[in-house]
Amino acid sequence: MRRLLLIILNLILLLIVISCKSLHVPVSNLWPKIEPYETGILKVSGLHELYYELSGNPEGKPVFVLHGGPGGRSSPYMRRFFNPDKFLIVLFDQRGAGKSKPFAVIKENTTWDLVDDIEKLRNKLNLGKIILFGGSWGSTLGLAYAETYPENVSGLVLRGIFTSTKEEIDHFYNGGVRKFFPHVYDDFISSLQKPDSVSISEFLVDLMLNGTINNRYRLSRLWAEYEIKISSLNLPDSSVDRILEGFNPIAFGLIENYYMANGCFLEEGQLLDNAYKIKDIPLVMVNGRYDMICPPINAYRLHQRLPDSKLIIAEESGHWMGEKNIENALIDAMKEFE
């Protein structure tokens, strides 16, 4: 009887796999859930302390995971893109974000502060060359670090390329997204009640710094909802609410808009112009075909500067890291570095 039940169960699983393939539904290849074997705090300035955690193989190839935002956070989900037997997985929360302290602070918080923080953490952990793995803002930070310290980088796996040009920021804030998500964009703008004389990012930063705590939370929540809704091809409001459960959006809303209002503290076209500095570093880029936040043209332009890089366009995918075609492409990319 037991053997018969096992046969039936295996047949059911086989039918599920076959039906998924026939419907072109990708199956996730995430590695199993793991827990950190070490966590710590690194003081990087007189003001800021970074939370970091280590998981996987202490003797494995070190990979630094760069979360999005700026102002996002790392999560247990991010550990599952790497073979835990092959990699030392380093997650950390950037200044002002996640479990790092102080929370939601923009003082001493620029791209170059974060680049220095990566280097301080690498030295703290006594590591040699590292692999950088990041998406969206994480791709920006990864490029900035690699172009500053190319001798310390053995590889890059980047998703949703964002090089922080005026064109990219303008697309995000001023109507490029509206062409594809008109109701979402218009509802967001109308809820802000912003005067025409000031940019969206500057308006949000001013209110988040000077408004009441309730207003800061309301605006940050609106911003997070807007970005989450446009990040995926088909995301119902109920899923947006679930994603935001237990997430304090204030750091995300404040820090991200502060960075965008300042051009991410980069000269116009700086990351593209300096791409030659990383021409000898293996680079794999993954971009959703229909990424509304970081359109694939960004990745293509970087690929043109770095013809030895590998560019993967994930079909039927937007910006979200969790879309299965993107997820699996990133997992496969990391296998190339094992």
C-alpha atoms as a PDB file:
ATOM      1  CA  MET A   1       0.000   0.000   0.000  1.00  0.00           C
ATOM      2  CA  ARG A   2       2.804   2.374   0.930  1.00  0.00           C
ATOM      3  CA  ARG A   3       4.620   1.645  -2.308  1.00  0.00           C
ATOM      4  CA  LEU A   4       1.430   2.317  -4.281  1.00  0.00           C
ATOM      5  CA  LEU A   5       1.002   5.697  -2.552  1.00  0.00           C
ATOM      6  CA  LEU A   6       4.598   6.646  -3.399  1.00  0.00           C
ATOM      7  CA  ILE A   7       4.042   5.736  -7.054  1.00  0.00           C
ATOM      8  CA  ILE A   8       0.858   7.834  -7.160  1.00  0.00           C
ATOM      9  CA  LEU A   9       2.630  10.771  -5.507  1.00  0.00           C
ATOM     10  CA  ASN A  10       5.516  10.620  -7.995  1.00  0.00           C
ATOM     11  CA  LEU A  11       3.048  10.531 -10.884  1.00  0.00           C
ATOM     12  CA  ILE A  12       1.262  13.596  -9.527  1.00  0.00           C
ATOM     13  CA  LEU A  13       4.563  15.476  -9.202  1.00  0.00           C
ATOM     14  CA  LEU A  14       5.531  14.465 -12.728  1.00  0.00           C
ATOM     15  CA  LEU A  15       2.203  15.710 -14.084  1.00  0.00           C
ATOM     16  CA  ILE A  16       2.683  19.037 -12.285  1.00  0.00           C
ATOM     17  CA  VAL A  17       6.124  19.498 -13.844  1.00  0.00           C
ATOM     18  CA  ILE A  18       4.860  18.531 -17.287  1.00  0.00           C
ATOM     19  CA  SER A  19       1.860  20.873 -17.014  1.00  0.00           C
ATOM     20  CA  CYS A  20       4.102  23.751 -15.899  1.00  0.00           C
ATOM     21  CA  LYS A  21       6.352  23.222 -18.894  1.00  0.00           C
ATOM     22  CA  SER A  22       3.427  22.988 -21.283  1.00  0.00           C
ATOM     23  CA  LEU A  23       2.010  26.222 -19.893  1.00  0.00           C
ATOM     24  CA  HIS A  24       5.477  27.848 -20.012  1.00  0.00           C
ATOM     25  CA  VAL A  25       5.407  28.388 -16.260  1.00  0.00           C
ATOM     26  CA  PRO A  26       9.038  28.395 -15.056  1.00  0.00           C
ATOM     27  CA  VAL A  27       9.873  26.319 -12.015  1.00  0.00           C
ATOM     28  CA  SER A  28      11.990  27.998  -9.336  1.00  0.00           C
ATOM     29  CA  ASN A  29      15.497  26.658  -8.843  1.00  0.00           C
ATOM     30  CA  LEU A  30      16.257  28.509  -5.622  1.00  0.00           C
ATOM     31  CA  TRP A  31      18.693  26.842  -3.256  1.00  0.00           C
ATOM     32  CA  PRO A  32      17.254  25.594   0.067  1.00  0.00           C
ATOM     33  CA  LYS A  33      16.724  28.018   2.927  1.00  0.00           C
ATOM     34  CA  ILE A  34      19.738  28.507   5.180  1.00  0.00           C
ATOM     35  CA  GLU A  35      20.510  30.508   8.305  1.00  0.00           C
ATOM     36  CA  PRO A  36      23.564  32.699   8.959  1.00  0.00           C
ATOM     37  CA  TYR A  37      26.381  31.129  10.930  1.00  0.00           C
ATOM     38  CA  GLU A  38      27.531  34.594  12.028  1.00  0.00           C
ATOM     39  CA  THR A  39      26.066  38.081  12.369  1.00  0.00           C
ATOM     40  CA  GLY A  40      27.814  41.264  13.371  1.00  0.00           C
ATOM     41  CA  ILE A  41      27.932  45.048  13.495  1.00  0.00           C
ATOM     42  CA  LEU A  42      30.628  47.076  11.743  1.00  0.00           C
ATOM     43  CA  LYS A  43      31.127  50.699  12.769  1.00  0.00           C
ATOM     44  CA  VAL A  44      31.961  52.563   9.560  1.00  0.00           C
ATOM     45  CA  SER A  45      31.867  56.170  10.800  1.00  0.00           C
ATOM     46  CA  GLY A  46      31.257  58.180  13.926  1.00  0.00           C
ATOM     47  CA  LEU A  47      27.563  57.993  13.107  1.00  0.00           C
ATOM     48  CA  HIS A  48      26.855  54.801  11.137  1.00  0.00           C
ATOM     49  CA  GLU A  49      26.960  51.105  12.052  1.00  0.00           C
ATOM     50  CA  LEU A  50      26.273  48.358   9.514  1.00  0.00           C
ATOM     51  CA  TYR A  51      24.521  45.084  10.211  1.00  0.00           C
ATOM     52  CA  TYR A  52      26.051  42.160   8.329  1.00  0.00           C
ATOM     53  CA  GLU A  53      25.632  38.391   8.246  1.00  0.00           C
ATOM     54  CA  LEU A  54      27.591  35.454   6.885  1.00  0.00           C
ATOM     55  CA  SER A  55      26.128  32.202   5.585  1.00  0.00           C
ATOM     56  CA  GLY A  56      27.128  29.308   3.367  1.00  0.00           C
ATOM     57  CA  ASN A  57      30.691  27.983   3.344  1.00  0.00           C
ATOM     58  CA  PRO A  58      33.234  29.998   5.413  1.00  0.00           C
ATOM     59  CA  GLU A  59      35.942  28.766   3.020  1.00  0.00           C
ATOM     60  CA  GLY A  60      33.888  29.368  -0.118  1.00  0.00           C
ATOM     61  CA  LYS A  61      34.219  32.083  -2.734  1.00  0.00           C
ATOM     62  CA  PRO A  62      33.049  35.339  -1.135  1.00  0.00           C
ATOM     63  CA  VAL A  63      30.025  37.018  -2.714  1.00  0.00           C
ATOM     64  CA  PHE A  64      28.727  40.381  -1.475  1.00  0.00           C
ATOM     65  CA  VAL A  65      24.978  40.855  -1.930  1.00  0.00           C
ATOM     66  CA  LEU A  66      24.010  44.492  -2.594  1.00  0.00           C
ATOM     67  CA  HIS A  67      20.348  45.214  -1.875  1.00  0.00           C
ATOM     68  CA  GLY A  68      18.248  47.733  -3.739  1.00  0.00           C
ATOM     69  CA  GLY A  69      16.831  51.118  -2.925  1.00  0.00           C
ATOM     70  CA  PRO A  70      18.868  52.969  -1.834  1.00  0.00           C
ATOM     71  CA  GLY A  71      17.192  52.473   1.513  1.00  0.00           C
ATOM     72  CA  GLY A  72      16.028  48.896   0.939  1.00  0.00           C
ATOM     73  CA  ARG A  73      17.244  45.995   3.030  1.00  0.00           C
ATOM     74  CA  SER A  74      18.700  42.525   2.773  1.00  0.00           C
ATOM     75  CA  SER A  75      16.465  39.500   3.353  1.00  0.00           C
ATOM     76  CA  PRO A  76      16.754  35.727   3.940  1.00  0.00           C
ATOM     77  CA  TYR A  77      15.438  35.222   0.391  1.00  0.00           C
ATOM     78  CA  MET A  78      18.668  36.701  -0.976  1.00  0.00           C
ATOM     79  CA  ARG A  79      20.728  33.843   0.481  1.00  0.00           C
ATOM     80  CA  ARG A  80      19.019  31.352  -1.818  1.00  0.00           C
ATOM     81  CA  PHE A  81      20.701  32.397  -5.078  1.00  0.00           C
ATOM     82  CA  PHE A  82      23.980  30.762  -4.150  1.00  0.00           C
ATOM     83  CA  ASN A  83      25.206  27.208  -3.698  1.00  0.00           C
ATOM     84  CA  PRO A  84      25.879  27.219   0.075  1.00  0.00           C
ATOM     85  CA  ASP A  85      28.631  24.620  -0.358  1.00  0.00           C
ATOM     86  CA  LYS A  86      30.530  26.804  -2.830  1.00  0.00           C
ATOM     87  CA  PHE A  87      30.068  30.381  -1.616  1.00  0.00           C
ATOM     88  CA  LEU A  88      30.642  32.491   1.455  1.00  0.00           C
ATOM     89  CA  ILE A  89      27.490  34.638   1.279  1.00  0.00           C
ATOM     90  CA  VAL A  90      27.842  38.140   2.740  1.00  0.00           C
ATOM     91  CA  LEU A  91      24.658  40.129   3.250  1.00  0.00           C
ATOM     92  CA  PHE A  92      24.609  43.585   4.826  1.00  0.00           C
ATOM     93  CA  ASP A  93      22.224  46.502   5.221  1.00  0.00           C
ATOM     94  CA  GLN A  94      23.505  49.753   3.760  1.00  0.00           C
ATOM     95  CA  ARG A  95      23.690  52.987   5.764  1.00  0.00           C
ATOM     96  CA  GLY A  96      20.369  54.022   7.269  1.00  0.00           C
ATOM     97  CA  ALA A  97      18.586  50.877   6.078  1.00  0.00           C
ATOM     98  CA  GLY A  98      17.311  47.598   7.493  1.00  0.00           C
ATOM     99  CA  LYS A  99      19.030  46.658  10.742  1.00  0.00           C
ATOM    100  CA  SER A 100      21.842  49.171  10.323  1.00  0.00           C
ATOM    101  CA  LYS A 101      21.878  52.176  12.638  1.00  0.00           C
ATOM    102  CA  PRO A 102      20.854  54.942  12.828  1.00  0.00           C
ATOM    103  CA  PHE A 103      17.723  54.188  10.815  1.00  0.00           C
ATOM    104  CA  ALA A 104      16.556  56.433   7.947  1.00  0.00           C
ATOM    105  CA  VAL A 105      19.411  58.937   8.235  1.00  0.00           C
ATOM    106  CA  ILE A 106      20.812  60.715   5.159  1.00  0.00           C
ATOM    107  CA  LYS A 107      23.730  62.434   6.884  1.00  0.00           C
ATOM    108  CA  GLU A 108      27.062  60.908   5.777  1.00  0.00           C
ATOM    109  CA  ASN A 109      25.090  58.815   3.312  1.00  0.00           C
ATOM    110  CA  THR A 110      26.230  58.962  -0.319  1.00  0.00           C
ATOM    111  CA  THR A 111      27.207  56.473  -2.990  1.00  0.00           C
ATOM    112  CA  TRP A 112      30.871  56.950  -2.119  1.00  0.00           C
ATOM    113  CA  ASP A 113      30.240  56.354   1.576  1.00  0.00           C
ATOM    114  CA  LEU A 114      28.639  53.033   0.613  1.00  0.00           C
ATOM    115  CA  VAL A 115      31.530  52.150  -1.694  1.00  0.00           C
ATOM    116  CA  ASP A 116      33.910  52.751   1.209  1.00  0.00           C
ATOM    117  CA  ASP A 117      31.691  50.626   3.454  1.00  0.00           C
ATOM    118  CA  ILE A 118      32.018  47.632   1.125  1.00  0.00           C
ATOM    119  CA  GLU A 119      35.775  48.000   1.248  1.00  0.00           C
ATOM    120  CA  LYS A 120      35.746  48.304   5.048  1.00  0.00           C
ATOM    121  CA  LEU A 121      33.608  45.181   5.360  1.00  0.00           C
ATOM    122  CA  ARG A 122      35.849  43.264   2.942  1.00  0.00           C
ATOM    123  CA  ASN A 123      38.865  44.200   5.078  1.00  0.00           C
ATOM    124  CA  LYS A 124      37.010  43.443   8.317  1.00  0.00           C
ATOM    125  CA  LEU A 125      36.302  39.915   7.055  1.00  0.00           C
ATOM    126  CA  ASN A 126      39.895  39.568   5.826  1.00  0.00           C
ATOM    127  CA  LEU A 127      38.811  38.651   2.305  1.00  0.00           C
ATOM    128  CA  GLY A 128      40.642  38.883  -0.992  1.00  0.00           C
ATOM    129  CA  LYS A 129      38.757  39.312  -4.243  1.00  0.00           C
ATOM    130  CA  ILE A 130      34.962  39.296  -4.007  1.00  0.00           C
ATOM    131  CA  ILE A 131      32.035  38.671  -6.344  1.00  0.00           C
ATOM    132  CA  LEU A 132      29.427  41.441  -6.374  1.00  0.00           C
ATOM    133  CA  PHE A 133      25.765  40.424  -6.747  1.00  0.00           C
ATOM    134  CA  GLY A 134      23.147  43.166  -6.904  1.00  0.00           C
ATOM    135  CA  GLY A 135      20.086  44.454  -8.680  1.00  0.00           C
ATOM    136  CA  SER A 136      18.573  47.831  -9.520  1.00  0.00           C
ATOM    137  CA  TRP A 137      20.322  50.268  -7.146  1.00  0.00           C
ATOM    138  CA  GLY A 138      22.499  47.300  -6.170  1.00  0.00           C
ATOM    139  CA  SER A 139      23.799  47.237  -9.753  1.00  0.00           C
ATOM    140  CA  THR A 140      24.700  50.932  -9.498  1.00  0.00           C
ATOM    141  CA  LEU A 141      26.583  50.382  -6.256  1.00  0.00           C
ATOM    142  CA  GLY A 142      28.269  47.267  -7.635  1.00  0.00           C
ATOM    143  CA  LEU A 143      29.532  49.156 -10.679  1.00  0.00           C
ATOM    144  CA  ALA A 144      30.694  52.094  -8.552  1.00  0.00           C
ATOM    145  CA  TYR A 145      32.678  49.806  -6.246  1.00  0.00           C
ATOM    146  CA  ALA A 146      34.131  47.714  -9.080  1.00  0.00           C
ATOM    147  CA  GLU A 147      35.264  50.788 -11.003  1.00  0.00           C
ATOM    148  CA  THR A 148      36.882  52.155  -7.833  1.00  0.00           C
ATOM    149  CA  TYR A 149      38.498  48.898  -6.668  1.00  0.00           C
ATOM    150  CA  PRO A 150      38.754  46.673  -9.776  1.00  0.00           C
ATOM    151  CA  GLU A 151      41.679  44.817  -8.239  1.00  0.00           C
ATOM    152  CA  ASN A 152      39.361  43.544  -5.472  1.00  0.00           C
ATOM    153  CA  VAL A 153      36.596  42.147  -7.700  1.00  0.00           C
ATOM    154  CA  SER A 154      36.599  38.676  -9.256  1.00  0.00           C
ATOM    155  CA  GLY A 155      33.161  38.896 -10.886  1.00  0.00           C
ATOM    156  CA  LEU A 156      29.858  40.750 -11.144  1.00  0.00           C
ATOM    157  CA  VAL A 157      26.325  39.406 -11.458  1.00  0.00           C
ATOM    158  CA  LEU A 158      23.983  42.357 -11.866  1.00  0.00           C
ATOM    159  CA  ARG A 159      20.230  42.616 -12.449  1.00  0.00           C
ATOM    160  CA  GLY A 160      18.100  45.491 -13.693  1.00  0.00           C
ATOM    161  CA  ILE A 161      20.965  47.764 -14.673  1.00  0.00           C
ATOM    162  CA  PHE A 162      20.740  51.345 -13.442  1.00  0.00           C
ATOM    163  CA  THR A 163      23.643  53.700 -14.230  1.00  0.00           C
ATOM    164  CA  SER A 164      21.936  56.796 -12.808  1.00  0.00           C
ATOM    165  CA  THR A 165      21.955  58.990 -15.894  1.00  0.00           C
ATOM    166  CA  LYS A 166      19.511  61.882 -16.107  1.00  0.00           C
ATOM    167  CA  GLU A 167      17.596  59.958 -18.768  1.00  0.00           C
ATOM    168  CA  GLU A 168      17.125  56.956 -16.460  1.00  0.00           C
ATOM    169  CA  ILE A 169      16.002  59.045 -13.499  1.00  0.00           C
ATOM    170  CA  ASP A 170      13.681  61.122 -15.683  1.00  0.00           C
ATOM    171  CA  HIS A 171      12.103  57.949 -17.087  1.00  0.00           C
ATOM    172  CA  PHE A 172      11.382  56.731 -13.563  1.00  0.00           C
ATOM    173  CA  TYR A 173       9.919  59.980 -12.253  1.00  0.00           C
ATOM    174  CA  ASN A 174       8.594  62.046 -15.126  1.00  0.00           C
ATOM    175  CA  GLY A 175       6.349  60.079 -17.390  1.00  0.00           C
ATOM    176  CA  GLY A 176       8.316  57.230 -18.930  1.00  0.00           C
ATOM    177  CA  VAL A 177       6.611  54.810 -16.578  1.00  0.00           C
ATOM    178  CA  ARG A 178       3.264  56.542 -17.185  1.00  0.00           C
ATOM    179  CA  LYS A 179       3.208  55.274 -20.774  1.00  0.00           C
ATOM    180  CA  PHE A 180       2.809  51.729 -19.454  1.00  0.00           C
ATOM    181  CA  PHE A 181       1.218  52.239 -16.004  1.00  0.00           C
ATOM    182  CA  PRO A 182      -0.861  55.412 -16.565  1.00  0.00           C
ATOM    183  CA  HIS A 183      -3.368  54.855 -13.766  1.00  0.00           C
ATOM    184  CA  VAL A 184      -0.735  53.835 -11.252  1.00  0.00           C
ATOM    185  CA  TYR A 185       1.419  56.861 -12.105  1.00  0.00           C
ATOM    186  CA  ASP A 186      -1.436  59.380 -12.157  1.00  0.00           C
ATOM    187  CA  ASP A 187      -2.905  58.072  -8.900  1.00  0.00           C
ATOM    188  CA  PHE A 188       0.480  58.367  -7.245  1.00  0.00           C
ATOM    189  CA  ILE A 189       1.106  61.929  -8.486  1.00  0.00           C
ATOM    190  CA  SER A 190      -2.373  63.134  -7.575  1.00  0.00           C
ATOM    191  CA  SER A 191      -2.040  61.733  -4.057  1.00  0.00           C
ATOM    192  CA  LEU A 192       1.104  63.815  -3.490  1.00  0.00           C
ATOM    193  CA  GLN A 193      -0.514  67.197  -4.224  1.00  0.00           C
ATOM    194  CA  LYS A 194       2.876  68.414  -5.426  1.00  0.00           C
ATOM    195  CA  PRO A 195       3.381  71.914  -6.887  1.00  0.00           C
ATOM    196  CA  ASP A 196       4.732  71.964 -10.449  1.00  0.00           C
ATOM    197  CA  SER A 197       7.737  74.071  -9.457  1.00  0.00           C
ATOM    198  CA  VAL A 198       9.538  71.308  -7.566  1.00  0.00           C
ATOM    199  CA  SER A 199      10.662  67.819  -8.602  1.00  0.00           C
ATOM    200  CA  ILE A 200       9.004  64.733  -7.151  1.00  0.00           C
ATOM    201  CA  SER A 201      12.166  63.557  -5.416  1.00  0.00           C
ATOM    202  CA  GLU A 202      12.937  66.954  -3.858  1.00  0.00           C
ATOM    203  CA  PHE A 203       9.305  67.354  -2.764  1.00  0.00           C
ATOM    204  CA  LEU A 204       9.264  63.964  -1.067  1.00  0.00           C
ATOM    205  CA  VAL A 205      12.612  64.489   0.659  1.00  0.00           C
ATOM    206  CA  ASP A 206      11.521  67.862   2.041  1.00  0.00           C
ATOM    207  CA  LEU A 207       8.247  66.507   3.439  1.00  0.00           C
ATOM    208  CA  MET A 208       9.896  63.380   4.827  1.00  0.00           C
ATOM    209  CA  LEU A 209      12.497  65.465   6.635  1.00  0.00           C
ATOM    210  CA  ASN A 210      10.214  68.193   7.896  1.00  0.00           C
ATOM    211  CA  GLY A 211       6.765  66.631   8.120  1.00  0.00           C
ATOM    212  CA  THR A 212       5.114  64.821  10.998  1.00  0.00           C
ATOM    213  CA  ILE A 213       5.921  61.165  11.583  1.00  0.00           C
ATOM    214  CA  ASN A 214       2.465  60.216  10.304  1.00  0.00           C
ATOM    215  CA  ASN A 215       2.995  62.186   7.111  1.00  0.00           C
ATOM    216  CA  ARG A 216       6.477  60.709   6.649  1.00  0.00           C
ATOM    217  CA  TYR A 217       5.025  57.221   6.935  1.00  0.00           C
ATOM    218  CA  ARG A 218       2.117  58.011   4.586  1.00  0.00           C
ATOM    219  CA  LEU A 219       4.376  59.420   1.867  1.00  0.00           C
ATOM    220  CA  SER A 220       6.913  56.621   2.234  1.00  0.00           C
ATOM    221  CA  ARG A 221       4.157  54.056   1.961  1.00  0.00           C
ATOM    222  CA  LEU A 222       2.797  55.739  -1.176  1.00  0.00           C
ATOM    223  CA  TRP A 223       6.260  55.699  -2.709  1.00  0.00           C
ATOM    224  CA  ALA A 224       6.845  52.041  -1.852  1.00  0.00           C
ATOM    225  CA  GLU A 225       3.438  51.046  -3.223  1.00  0.00           C
ATOM    226  CA  TYR A 226       4.113  52.925  -6.459  1.00  0.00           C
ATOM    227  CA  GLU A 227       7.492  51.298  -6.998  1.00  0.00           C
ATOM    228  CA  ILE A 228       6.278  47.794  -6.135  1.00  0.00           C
ATOM    229  CA  LYS A 229       3.256  48.070  -8.454  1.00  0.00           C
ATOM    230  CA  ILE A 230       5.373  49.000 -11.464  1.00  0.00           C
ATOM    231  CA  SER A 231       8.052  46.410 -10.705  1.00  0.00           C
ATOM    232  CA  SER A 232       6.107  43.376 -11.904  1.00  0.00           C
ATOM    233  CA  LEU A 233       4.010  42.514 -14.930  1.00  0.00           C
ATOM    234  CA  ASN A 234       1.032  41.274 -12.948  1.00  0.00           C
ATOM    235  CA  LEU A 235       0.924  42.178  -9.278  1.00  0.00           C
ATOM    236  CA  PRO A 236      -2.485  42.590  -7.580  1.00  0.00           C
ATOM    237  CA  ASP A 237      -2.944  45.069  -4.735  1.00  0.00           C
ATOM    238  CA  SER A 238      -3.254  42.207  -2.253  1.00  0.00           C
ATOM    239  CA  SER A 239       0.285  41.107  -3.142  1.00  0.00           C
ATOM    240  CA  VAL A 240       1.575  44.661  -2.661  1.00  0.00           C
ATOM    241  CA  ASP A 241       0.080  44.691   0.836  1.00  0.00           C
ATOM    242  CA  ARG A 242       1.652  41.321   1.601  1.00  0.00           C
ATOM    243  CA  ILE A 243       5.091  42.490   0.435  1.00  0.00           C
ATOM    244  CA  LEU A 244       4.848  45.549   2.679  1.00  0.00           C
ATOM    245  CA  GLU A 245       3.836  43.568   5.768  1.00  0.00           C
ATOM    246  CA  GLY A 246       6.318  44.239   8.560  1.00  0.00           C
ATOM    247  CA  PHE A 247       8.312  46.642   6.370  1.00  0.00           C
ATOM    248  CA  ASN A 248       8.953  50.166   7.628  1.00  0.00           C
ATOM    249  CA  PRO A 249       9.078  52.145   4.356  1.00  0.00           C
ATOM    250  CA  ILE A 250      10.457  55.399   5.804  1.00  0.00           C
ATOM    251  CA  ALA A 251      14.132  54.665   5.053  1.00  0.00           C
ATOM    252  CA  PHE A 252      13.235  53.424   1.578  1.00  0.00           C
ATOM    253  CA  GLY A 253      11.180  56.523   0.745  1.00  0.00           C
ATOM    254  CA  LEU A 254      13.591  59.058   2.213  1.00  0.00           C
ATOM    255  CA  ILE A 255      16.964  57.640   1.194  1.00  0.00           C
ATOM    256  CA  GLU A 256      15.973  56.601  -2.330  1.00  0.00           C
ATOM    257  CA  ASN A 257      14.489  59.989  -3.162  1.00  0.00           C
ATOM    258  CA  TYR A 258      17.429  61.771  -1.528  1.00  0.00           C
ATOM    259  CA  TYR A 259      19.833  59.864  -3.762  1.00  0.00           C
ATOM    260  CA  MET A 260      17.756  60.445  -6.907  1.00  0.00           C
ATOM    261  CA  ALA A 261      17.426  64.158  -6.152  1.00  0.00           C
ATOM    262  CA  ASN A 262      21.234  64.262  -6.116  1.00  0.00           C
ATOM    263  CA  GLY A 263      21.845  62.139  -9.205  1.00  0.00           C
ATOM    264  CA  CYS A 264      23.084  59.340  -6.933  1.00  0.00           C
ATOM    265  CA  PHE A 265      26.166  61.508  -6.295  1.00  0.00           C
ATOM    266  CA  LEU A 266      27.600  60.569  -9.679  1.00  0.00           C
ATOM    267  CA  GLU A 267      28.743  62.717 -12.569  1.00  0.00           C
ATOM    268  CA  GLU A 268      26.511  62.422 -15.610  1.00  0.00           C
ATOM    269  CA  GLY A 269      27.415  59.213 -17.438  1.00  0.00           C
ATOM    270  CA  GLN A 270      30.210  58.426 -14.978  1.00  0.00           C
ATOM    271  CA  LEU A 271      29.579  54.697 -14.643  1.00  0.00           C
ATOM    272  CA  LEU A 272      29.366  54.221 -18.408  1.00  0.00           C
ATOM    273  CA  ASP A 273      32.409  56.384 -19.094  1.00  0.00           C
ATOM    274  CA  ASN A 274      34.488  54.443 -16.551  1.00  0.00           C
ATOM    275  CA  ALA A 275      33.306  51.002 -17.662  1.00  0.00           C
ATOM    276  CA  TYR A 276      36.685  50.386 -19.288  1.00  0.00           C
ATOM    277  CA  LYS A 277      38.124  49.989 -15.782  1.00  0.00           C
ATOM    278  CA  ILE A 278      36.235  46.696 -15.357  1.00  0.00           C
ATOM    279  CA  LYS A 279      36.713  45.308 -18.869  1.00  0.00           C
ATOM    280  CA  ASP A 280      38.754  42.371 -17.545  1.00  0.00           C
ATOM    281  CA  ILE A 281      36.240  41.392 -14.822  1.00  0.00           C
ATOM    282  CA  PRO A 282      33.680  38.705 -15.756  1.00  0.00           C
ATOM    283  CA  LEU A 283      30.262  40.356 -15.827  1.00  0.00           C
ATOM    284  CA  VAL A 284      26.830  38.768 -16.253  1.00  0.00           C
ATOM    285  CA  MET A 285      23.824  41.075 -16.580  1.00  0.00           C
ATOM    286  CA  VAL A 286      20.199  39.971 -16.288  1.00  0.00           C
ATOM    287  CA  ASN A 287      17.414  42.360 -17.286  1.00  0.00           C
ATOM    288  CA  GLY A 288      13.689  41.854 -17.602  1.00  0.00           C
ATOM    289  CA  ARG A 289      12.399  42.448 -21.125  1.00  0.00           C
ATOM    290  CA  TYR A 290       9.609  44.639 -19.733  1.00  0.00           C
ATOM    291  CA  ASP A 291      11.431  46.234 -16.812  1.00  0.00           C
ATOM    292  CA  MET A 292       9.664  49.586 -16.353  1.00  0.00           C
ATOM    293  CA  ILE A 293      12.081  50.889 -13.704  1.00  0.00           C
ATOM    294  CA  CYS A 294      15.356  49.879 -15.364  1.00  0.00           C
ATOM    295  CA  PRO A 295      14.575  49.284 -19.064  1.00  0.00           C
ATOM    296  CA  PRO A 296      16.886  46.857 -20.887  1.00  0.00           C
ATOM    297  CA  ILE A 297      18.387  49.691 -22.942  1.00  0.00           C
ATOM    298  CA  ASN A 298      20.445  50.529 -19.834  1.00  0.00           C
ATOM    299  CA  ALA A 299      21.986  47.061 -19.758  1.00  0.00           C
ATOM    300  CA  TYR A 300      22.466  47.094 -23.526  1.00  0.00           C
ATOM    301  CA  ARG A 301      24.419  50.358 -23.403  1.00  0.00           C
ATOM    302  CA  LEU A 302      26.713  48.961 -20.723  1.00  0.00           C
ATOM    303  CA  HIS A 303      27.101  45.748 -22.728  1.00  0.00           C
ATOM    304  CA  GLN A 304      28.186  47.823 -25.738  1.00  0.00           C
ATOM    305  CA  ARG A 305      30.929  49.364 -23.591  1.00  0.00           C
ATOM    306  CA  LEU A 306      31.901  45.906 -22.327  1.00  0.00           C
ATOM    307  CA  PRO A 307      31.509  43.520 -25.290  1.00  0.00           C
ATOM    308  CA  ASP A 308      33.012  40.607 -23.331  1.00  0.00           C
ATOM    309  CA  SER A 309      30.189  40.841 -20.791  1.00  0.00           C
ATOM    310  CA  LYS A 310      27.191  38.516 -20.950  1.00  0.00           C
ATOM    311  CA  LEU A 311      23.727  40.072 -21.291  1.00  0.00           C
ATOM    312  CA  ILE A 312      20.653  37.937 -20.584  1.00  0.00           C
ATOM    313  CA  ILE A 313      17.239  39.399 -21.381  1.00  0.00           C
ATOM    314  CA  ALA A 314      14.644  37.581 -19.284  1.00  0.00           C
ATOM    315  CA  GLU A 315      11.479  37.240 -21.343  1.00  0.00           C
ATOM    316  CA  GLU A 316       8.022  37.770 -19.837  1.00  0.00           C
ATOM    317  CA  SER A 317       9.648  39.604 -16.923  1.00  0.00           C
ATOM    318  CA  GLY A 318       9.652  43.045 -15.365  1.00  0.00           C
ATOM    319  CA  HIS A 319      11.881  44.494 -12.665  1.00  0.00           C
ATOM    320  CA  TRP A 320      11.148  42.260  -9.693  1.00  0.00           C
ATOM    321  CA  MET A 321      13.940  39.912  -8.631  1.00  0.00           C
ATOM    322  CA  GLY A 322      11.373  37.233  -7.765  1.00  0.00           C
ATOM    323  CA  GLU A 323       9.988  36.811 -11.278  1.00  0.00           C
ATOM    324  CA  LYS A 324      10.941  33.243 -12.105  1.00  0.00           C
ATOM    325  CA  ASN A 325      12.752  33.860 -15.390  1.00  0.00           C
ATOM    326  CA  ILE A 326      14.925  36.476 -13.681  1.00  0.00           C
ATOM    327  CA  GLU A 327      15.355  34.351 -10.575  1.00  0.00           C
ATOM    328  CA  ASN A 328      16.548  31.331 -12.530  1.00  0.00           C
ATOM    329  CA  ALA A 329      18.829  33.393 -14.777  1.00  0.00           C
ATOM    330  CA  LEU A 330      20.565  34.802 -11.694  1.00  0.00           C
ATOM    331  CA  ILE A 331      20.960  31.351 -10.166  1.00  0.00           C
ATOM    332  CA  ASP A 332      22.447  30.041 -13.420  1.00  0.00           C
ATOM    333  CA  ALA A 333      24.760  33.057 -13.588  1.00  0.00           C
ATOM    334  CA  MET A 334      26.152  32.289 -10.139  1.00  0.00           C
ATOM    335  CA  LYS A 335      26.806  28.695 -11.173  1.00  0.00           C
ATOM    336  CA  GLU A 336      29.273  30.077 -13.709  1.00  0.00           C
ATOM    337  CA  PHE A 337      31.379  31.378 -10.803  1.00  0.00           C
ATOM    338  CA  GLU A 338      31.432  28.149  -8.794  1.00  0.00           C
END
